[in-house]
Amino acid sequence: MDALIKENIAKNVLILLLLAAVCAFLPNMMGDVLGSDKAAAGSMLTTISLISVIACFGCFAFTYEKVKMEDTKQRFLAHLTTGLLMFAIGITLALTSFVTKIVAGQLFIIDLLLVLVYAACVCYDFWDLLRTAN
């Protein structure tokens, strides 16, 4: 079980590093696309929200219960699946924060809620892994 926890920690640290790299370039990428066009930003926010909901559904619908944890290939695919979904969630939440700043300005409560949503996804991933491993 300790190996599973270490694998999951490594996965989540890698995701956070990748998200940090993406977030560093986000203002340049999105600033060029949206500028200060609030109507376009609102439409983009709707699209981002839809993608985020899809990724969250996949994340919370997935369970390690159906994975044969002793099979390295299945375990790798399970970590890859959850990692990709969590990466997608992280990117969409970062985009939501960025676009919200364009539409409504800096709102601390929105950023806090987005961090809490991501933290809940990480906690669920660990809980599901621990529940299955026992």
C-alpha atoms as a PDB file:
ATOM      1  CA  MET A   1       0.000   0.000   0.000  1.00  0.00           C
ATOM      2  CA  ASP A   2       2.889   2.388   0.704  1.00  0.00           C
ATOM      3  CA  ALA A   3       4.024   2.027  -2.906  1.00  0.00           C
ATOM      4  CA  LEU A   4       0.539   3.024  -4.120  1.00  0.00           C
ATOM      5  CA  ILE A   5       0.561   6.132  -1.940  1.00  0.00           C
ATOM      6  CA  LYS A   6       4.030   7.077  -3.194  1.00  0.00           C
ATOM      7  CA  GLU A   7       2.910   6.591  -6.792  1.00  0.00           C
ATOM      8  CA  ASN A   8      -0.130   8.768  -6.179  1.00  0.00           C
ATOM      9  CA  ILE A   9       1.935  11.473  -4.481  1.00  0.00           C
ATOM     10  CA  ALA A  10       4.385  11.435  -7.405  1.00  0.00           C
ATOM     11  CA  LYS A  11       1.483  11.723  -9.861  1.00  0.00           C
ATOM     12  CA  ASN A  12      -0.030  14.674  -8.022  1.00  0.00           C
ATOM     13  CA  VAL A  13       3.300  16.476  -7.654  1.00  0.00           C
ATOM     14  CA  LEU A  14       3.935  16.029 -11.395  1.00  0.00           C
ATOM     15  CA  ILE A  15       0.470  17.407 -12.163  1.00  0.00           C
ATOM     16  CA  LEU A  16       1.063  20.444  -9.939  1.00  0.00           C
ATOM     17  CA  LEU A  17       4.415  21.120 -11.647  1.00  0.00           C
ATOM     18  CA  LEU A  18       2.785  20.862 -15.075  1.00  0.00           C
ATOM     19  CA  LEU A  19      -0.050  23.140 -13.955  1.00  0.00           C
ATOM     20  CA  ALA A  20       2.446  25.687 -12.625  1.00  0.00           C
ATOM     21  CA  ALA A  21       4.206  25.661 -16.004  1.00  0.00           C
ATOM     22  CA  VAL A  22       0.932  26.115 -17.890  1.00  0.00           C
ATOM     23  CA  CYS A  23      -0.232  28.865 -15.522  1.00  0.00           C
ATOM     24  CA  ALA A  24       3.019  30.761 -16.065  1.00  0.00           C
ATOM     25  CA  PHE A  25       2.175  31.096 -19.769  1.00  0.00           C
ATOM     26  CA  LEU A  26      -1.572  31.515 -19.345  1.00  0.00           C
ATOM     27  CA  PRO A  27      -1.704  35.335 -19.254  1.00  0.00           C
ATOM     28  CA  ASN A  28       0.261  35.606 -22.504  1.00  0.00           C
ATOM     29  CA  MET A  29      -1.741  32.898 -24.275  1.00  0.00           C
ATOM     30  CA  MET A  30      -5.178  34.025 -23.158  1.00  0.00           C
ATOM     31  CA  GLY A  31      -4.436  37.745 -23.105  1.00  0.00           C
ATOM     32  CA  ASP A  32      -3.730  37.669 -26.830  1.00  0.00           C
ATOM     33  CA  VAL A  33      -6.933  35.751 -27.502  1.00  0.00           C
ATOM     34  CA  LEU A  34      -9.330  37.673 -25.279  1.00  0.00           C
ATOM     35  CA  GLY A  35      -7.735  41.052 -24.720  1.00  0.00           C
ATOM     36  CA  SER A  36     -10.360  42.987 -22.811  1.00  0.00           C
ATOM     37  CA  ASP A  37     -13.381  41.734 -24.757  1.00  0.00           C
ATOM     38  CA  LYS A  38     -15.822  40.894 -21.973  1.00  0.00           C
ATOM     39  CA  ALA A  39     -18.366  39.304 -24.316  1.00  0.00           C
ATOM     40  CA  ALA A  40     -15.762  36.901 -25.695  1.00  0.00           C
ATOM     41  CA  ALA A  41     -14.532  36.242 -22.160  1.00  0.00           C
ATOM     42  CA  GLY A  42     -18.072  35.367 -21.060  1.00  0.00           C
ATOM     43  CA  SER A  43     -18.451  32.911 -23.930  1.00  0.00           C
ATOM     44  CA  MET A  44     -15.051  31.435 -23.143  1.00  0.00           C
ATOM     45  CA  LEU A  45     -16.065  31.055 -19.492  1.00  0.00           C
ATOM     46  CA  THR A  46     -19.105  29.015 -20.536  1.00  0.00           C
ATOM     47  CA  THR A  47     -16.973  26.708 -22.666  1.00  0.00           C
ATOM     48  CA  ILE A  48     -14.352  26.321 -19.951  1.00  0.00           C
ATOM     49  CA  SER A  49     -17.057  25.512 -17.389  1.00  0.00           C
ATOM     50  CA  LEU A  50     -18.486  22.799 -19.619  1.00  0.00           C
ATOM     51  CA  ILE A  51     -15.071  21.191 -20.050  1.00  0.00           C
ATOM     52  CA  SER A  52     -14.472  21.421 -16.304  1.00  0.00           C
ATOM     53  CA  VAL A  53     -17.765  19.688 -15.529  1.00  0.00           C
ATOM     54  CA  ILE A  54     -16.937  16.887 -17.964  1.00  0.00           C
ATOM     55  CA  ALA A  55     -13.498  16.399 -16.402  1.00  0.00           C
ATOM     56  CA  CYS A  56     -14.935  16.492 -12.863  1.00  0.00           C
ATOM     57  CA  PHE A  57     -17.544  13.918 -13.803  1.00  0.00           C
ATOM     58  CA  GLY A  58     -14.817  11.639 -15.152  1.00  0.00           C
ATOM     59  CA  CYS A  59     -12.680  12.168 -12.067  1.00  0.00           C
ATOM     60  CA  PHE A  60     -15.455  11.388  -9.601  1.00  0.00           C
ATOM     61  CA  ALA A  61     -16.919   8.555 -11.684  1.00  0.00           C
ATOM     62  CA  PHE A  62     -13.574   6.774 -11.874  1.00  0.00           C
ATOM     63  CA  THR A  63     -12.798   4.277  -9.135  1.00  0.00           C
ATOM     64  CA  TYR A  64      -9.699   2.274  -8.353  1.00  0.00           C
ATOM     65  CA  GLU A  65     -12.034  -0.541  -7.229  1.00  0.00           C
ATOM     66  CA  LYS A  66     -12.176  -1.937 -10.748  1.00  0.00           C
ATOM     67  CA  VAL A  67      -8.395  -1.860 -11.191  1.00  0.00           C
ATOM     68  CA  LYS A  68      -6.264  -4.906 -10.472  1.00  0.00           C
ATOM     69  CA  MET A  69      -3.690  -3.002  -8.445  1.00  0.00           C
ATOM     70  CA  GLU A  70      -1.151  -5.829  -8.596  1.00  0.00           C
ATOM     71  CA  ASP A  71      -1.110  -5.515 -12.416  1.00  0.00           C
ATOM     72  CA  THR A  72       1.423  -2.792 -13.226  1.00  0.00           C
ATOM     73  CA  LYS A  73      -0.147  -1.948 -16.591  1.00  0.00           C
ATOM     74  CA  GLN A  74      -3.631  -1.500 -15.140  1.00  0.00           C
ATOM     75  CA  ARG A  75      -2.268   0.538 -12.257  1.00  0.00           C
ATOM     76  CA  PHE A  76      -0.307   2.758 -14.672  1.00  0.00           C
ATOM     77  CA  LEU A  77      -3.383   3.295 -16.846  1.00  0.00           C
ATOM     78  CA  ALA A  78      -5.452   4.116 -13.752  1.00  0.00           C
ATOM     79  CA  HIS A  79      -2.907   6.719 -12.624  1.00  0.00           C
ATOM     80  CA  LEU A  80      -2.671   8.073 -16.169  1.00  0.00           C
ATOM     81  CA  THR A  81      -6.454   8.365 -16.423  1.00  0.00           C
ATOM     82  CA  THR A  82      -6.863  10.149 -13.104  1.00  0.00           C
ATOM     83  CA  GLY A  83      -3.797  12.271 -13.796  1.00  0.00           C
ATOM     84  CA  LEU A  84      -5.091  13.459 -17.166  1.00  0.00           C
ATOM     85  CA  LEU A  85      -8.515  14.244 -15.707  1.00  0.00           C
ATOM     86  CA  MET A  86      -7.005  16.136 -12.781  1.00  0.00           C
ATOM     87  CA  PHE A  87      -4.678  18.023 -15.130  1.00  0.00           C
ATOM     88  CA  ALA A  88      -7.682  18.992 -17.262  1.00  0.00           C
ATOM     89  CA  ILE A  89      -9.550  20.094 -14.140  1.00  0.00           C
ATOM     90  CA  GLY A  90      -6.565  22.134 -12.990  1.00  0.00           C
ATOM     91  CA  ILE A  91      -6.195  23.866 -16.354  1.00  0.00           C
ATOM     92  CA  THR A  92      -9.901  24.665 -16.598  1.00  0.00           C
ATOM     93  CA  LEU A  93      -9.957  26.022 -13.048  1.00  0.00           C
ATOM     94  CA  ALA A  94      -6.920  28.211 -13.796  1.00  0.00           C
ATOM     95  CA  LEU A  95      -8.610  29.416 -16.985  1.00  0.00           C
ATOM     96  CA  THR A  96     -11.791  30.113 -15.022  1.00  0.00           C
ATOM     97  CA  SER A  97      -9.827  32.273 -12.596  1.00  0.00           C
ATOM     98  CA  PHE A  98      -8.090  34.131 -15.413  1.00  0.00           C
ATOM     99  CA  VAL A  99     -11.244  34.771 -17.451  1.00  0.00           C
ATOM    100  CA  THR A 100     -13.231  35.759 -14.348  1.00  0.00           C
ATOM    101  CA  LYS A 101     -10.630  38.463 -13.694  1.00  0.00           C
ATOM    102  CA  ILE A 102     -11.316  39.858 -17.172  1.00  0.00           C
ATOM    103  CA  VAL A 103     -15.093  39.773 -16.720  1.00  0.00           C
ATOM    104  CA  ALA A 104     -15.475  40.823 -13.081  1.00  0.00           C
ATOM    105  CA  GLY A 105     -12.044  41.752 -11.736  1.00  0.00           C
ATOM    106  CA  GLN A 106     -10.070  40.010  -9.010  1.00  0.00           C
ATOM    107  CA  LEU A 107     -12.417  38.050  -6.729  1.00  0.00           C
ATOM    108  CA  PHE A 108     -10.645  36.276  -3.889  1.00  0.00           C
ATOM    109  CA  ILE A 109     -13.677  34.128  -3.081  1.00  0.00           C
ATOM    110  CA  ILE A 110     -13.763  32.713  -6.624  1.00  0.00           C
ATOM    111  CA  ASP A 111     -10.071  31.829  -6.492  1.00  0.00           C
ATOM    112  CA  LEU A 112     -10.553  30.227  -3.071  1.00  0.00           C
ATOM    113  CA  LEU A 113     -13.475  28.159  -4.330  1.00  0.00           C
ATOM    114  CA  LEU A 114     -11.473  27.005  -7.358  1.00  0.00           C
ATOM    115  CA  VAL A 115      -8.603  25.891  -5.107  1.00  0.00           C
ATOM    116  CA  LEU A 116     -11.084  24.034  -2.889  1.00  0.00           C
ATOM    117  CA  VAL A 117     -12.584  22.234  -5.900  1.00  0.00           C
ATOM    118  CA  TYR A 118      -9.129  21.102  -7.008  1.00  0.00           C
ATOM    119  CA  ALA A 119      -8.217  20.055  -3.455  1.00  0.00           C
ATOM    120  CA  ALA A 120     -11.430  18.014  -3.275  1.00  0.00           C
ATOM    121  CA  CYS A 121     -10.448  16.195  -6.479  1.00  0.00           C
ATOM    122  CA  VAL A 122      -7.041  15.357  -5.027  1.00  0.00           C
ATOM    123  CA  CYS A 123      -8.581  14.223  -1.722  1.00  0.00           C
ATOM    124  CA  TYR A 124     -11.111  12.060  -3.548  1.00  0.00           C
ATOM    125  CA  ASP A 125      -8.319  10.464  -5.568  1.00  0.00           C
ATOM    126  CA  PHE A 126      -6.395   9.577  -2.402  1.00  0.00           C
ATOM    127  CA  TRP A 127      -9.521   8.420  -0.573  1.00  0.00           C
ATOM    128  CA  ASP A 128     -10.551   6.157  -3.440  1.00  0.00           C
ATOM    129  CA  LEU A 129      -7.041   4.712  -3.643  1.00  0.00           C
ATOM    130  CA  LEU A 130      -6.852   4.081   0.119  1.00  0.00           C
ATOM    131  CA  ARG A 131     -10.353   2.595   0.209  1.00  0.00           C
ATOM    132  CA  THR A 132      -9.490   0.213  -2.593  1.00  0.00           C
ATOM    133  CA  ALA A 133      -6.083  -0.749  -1.218  1.00  0.00           C
ATOM    134  CA  ASN A 134      -7.543  -1.832   2.142  1.00  0.00           C
END
